[in-house]
Amino acid sequence: MNDNNRDREDQPEKLGIMDVLKSTLAGALGVQSNKNRERDFKHGSIKVYAVAGVIFTVVFIVVVVTVVKLVLRSAGM
């Protein structure tokens, strides 16, 4: 390995908000690639992923409850 490659490997890769959102959604659906999972564990912060997971869970529950209420209302219940 030359020095340039070693320097790049030592520098942490910045994960953007879209990377976190994509990884959270892929993880929730169970389709996260091994490459992305390893990147998340290597360069990501557990706090960021925990917050993203909680937010995703809350939004998911609100969406499901809203859809159920709309279906029940349209069915006359």
C-alpha atoms as a PDB file:
ATOM      1  CA  MET A   1       0.000   0.000   0.000  1.00  0.00           C
ATOM      2  CA  ASN A   2       1.340   3.435  -0.747  1.00  0.00           C
ATOM      3  CA  ASP A   3       1.119   6.380   1.643  1.00  0.00           C
ATOM      4  CA  ASN A   4      -1.753   8.066  -0.238  1.00  0.00           C
ATOM      5  CA  ASN A   5      -4.065   5.060   0.130  1.00  0.00           C
ATOM      6  CA  ARG A   6      -3.138   4.624   3.791  1.00  0.00           C
ATOM      7  CA  ASP A   7      -3.915   8.295   4.502  1.00  0.00           C
ATOM      8  CA  ARG A   8      -7.332   7.984   2.863  1.00  0.00           C
ATOM      9  CA  GLU A   9      -8.162   4.890   4.905  1.00  0.00           C
ATOM     10  CA  ASP A  10      -7.223   6.639   8.163  1.00  0.00           C
ATOM     11  CA  GLN A  11      -9.469   9.629   7.469  1.00  0.00           C
ATOM     12  CA  PRO A  12     -13.072   9.100   8.524  1.00  0.00           C
ATOM     13  CA  GLU A  13     -15.570   9.265   5.697  1.00  0.00           C
ATOM     14  CA  LYS A  14     -18.273  11.855   6.376  1.00  0.00           C
ATOM     15  CA  LEU A  15     -21.749  10.379   6.179  1.00  0.00           C
ATOM     16  CA  GLY A  16     -24.407  12.825   5.073  1.00  0.00           C
ATOM     17  CA  ILE A  17     -28.026  12.957   6.150  1.00  0.00           C
ATOM     18  CA  MET A  18     -29.082  11.124   2.980  1.00  0.00           C
ATOM     19  CA  ASP A  19     -26.654   8.290   3.780  1.00  0.00           C
ATOM     20  CA  VAL A  20     -28.171   7.970   7.252  1.00  0.00           C
ATOM     21  CA  LEU A  21     -31.739   8.070   5.885  1.00  0.00           C
ATOM     22  CA  LYS A  22     -30.976   5.462   3.216  1.00  0.00           C
ATOM     23  CA  SER A  23     -29.286   3.177   5.728  1.00  0.00           C
ATOM     24  CA  THR A  24     -32.129   3.564   8.233  1.00  0.00           C
ATOM     25  CA  LEU A  25     -34.773   2.751   5.625  1.00  0.00           C
ATOM     26  CA  ALA A  26     -32.766  -0.140   4.176  1.00  0.00           C
ATOM     27  CA  GLY A  27     -32.165  -1.530   7.659  1.00  0.00           C
ATOM     28  CA  ALA A  28     -35.847  -1.246   8.543  1.00  0.00           C
ATOM     29  CA  LEU A  29     -36.810  -3.087   5.361  1.00  0.00           C
ATOM     30  CA  GLY A  30     -34.071  -5.670   5.848  1.00  0.00           C
ATOM     31  CA  VAL A  31     -32.318  -4.991   2.543  1.00  0.00           C
ATOM     32  CA  GLN A  32     -29.152  -3.253   3.786  1.00  0.00           C
ATOM     33  CA  SER A  33     -26.093  -4.346   1.803  1.00  0.00           C
ATOM     34  CA  ASN A  34     -23.140  -5.731   3.711  1.00  0.00           C
ATOM     35  CA  LYS A  35     -20.888  -3.028   2.225  1.00  0.00           C
ATOM     36  CA  ASN A  36     -23.147  -0.215   3.477  1.00  0.00           C
ATOM     37  CA  ARG A  37     -23.615  -1.859   6.862  1.00  0.00           C
ATOM     38  CA  GLU A  38     -19.861  -2.080   7.332  1.00  0.00           C
ATOM     39  CA  ARG A  39     -19.493   1.566   6.247  1.00  0.00           C
ATOM     40  CA  ASP A  40     -22.147   2.602   8.768  1.00  0.00           C
ATOM     41  CA  PHE A  41     -20.447   0.763  11.622  1.00  0.00           C
ATOM     42  CA  LYS A  42     -17.014   2.042  10.649  1.00  0.00           C
ATOM     43  CA  HIS A  43     -17.834   5.714   9.965  1.00  0.00           C
ATOM     44  CA  GLY A  44     -21.219   6.341  11.553  1.00  0.00           C
ATOM     45  CA  SER A  45     -22.229   7.361  15.045  1.00  0.00           C
ATOM     46  CA  ILE A  46     -24.561   5.138  17.059  1.00  0.00           C
ATOM     47  CA  LYS A  47     -26.327   8.234  18.372  1.00  0.00           C
ATOM     48  CA  VAL A  48     -27.228   9.433  14.872  1.00  0.00           C
ATOM     49  CA  TYR A  49     -28.575   6.025  13.856  1.00  0.00           C
ATOM     50  CA  ALA A  50     -30.481   5.613  17.131  1.00  0.00           C
ATOM     51  CA  VAL A  51     -32.193   8.992  16.669  1.00  0.00           C
ATOM     52  CA  ALA A  52     -32.933   8.199  13.016  1.00  0.00           C
ATOM     53  CA  GLY A  53     -34.394   4.831  14.035  1.00  0.00           C
ATOM     54  CA  VAL A  54     -36.631   6.373  16.692  1.00  0.00           C
ATOM     55  CA  ILE A  55     -37.844   9.060  14.276  1.00  0.00           C
ATOM     56  CA  PHE A  56     -38.499   6.440  11.578  1.00  0.00           C
ATOM     57  CA  THR A  57     -40.441   4.287  14.043  1.00  0.00           C
ATOM     58  CA  VAL A  58     -42.607   7.195  15.223  1.00  0.00           C
ATOM     59  CA  VAL A  59     -43.337   8.297  11.640  1.00  0.00           C
ATOM     60  CA  PHE A  60     -44.151   4.707  10.646  1.00  0.00           C
ATOM     61  CA  ILE A  61     -46.596   4.292  13.537  1.00  0.00           C
ATOM     62  CA  VAL A  62     -48.290   7.633  12.774  1.00  0.00           C
ATOM     63  CA  VAL A  63     -48.674   6.661   9.108  1.00  0.00           C
ATOM     64  CA  VAL A  64     -50.135   3.236   9.948  1.00  0.00           C
ATOM     65  CA  VAL A  65     -52.594   4.712  12.485  1.00  0.00           C
ATOM     66  CA  THR A  66     -53.649   7.400   9.991  1.00  0.00           C
ATOM     67  CA  VAL A  67     -54.212   4.870   7.197  1.00  0.00           C
ATOM     68  CA  VAL A  68     -56.258   2.622   9.498  1.00  0.00           C
ATOM     69  CA  LYS A  69     -58.408   5.569  10.620  1.00  0.00           C
ATOM     70  CA  LEU A  70     -59.014   6.626   7.000  1.00  0.00           C
ATOM     71  CA  VAL A  71     -59.984   3.090   5.979  1.00  0.00           C
ATOM     72  CA  LEU A  72     -62.322   2.690   8.945  1.00  0.00           C
ATOM     73  CA  ARG A  73     -63.912   6.085   8.268  1.00  0.00           C
ATOM     74  CA  SER A  74     -64.470   5.259   4.596  1.00  0.00           C
ATOM     75  CA  ALA A  75     -65.992   1.907   5.617  1.00  0.00           C
ATOM     76  CA  GLY A  76     -68.491   3.754   7.840  1.00  0.00           C
ATOM     77  CA  MET A  77     -67.099   2.575  11.159  1.00  0.00           C
END
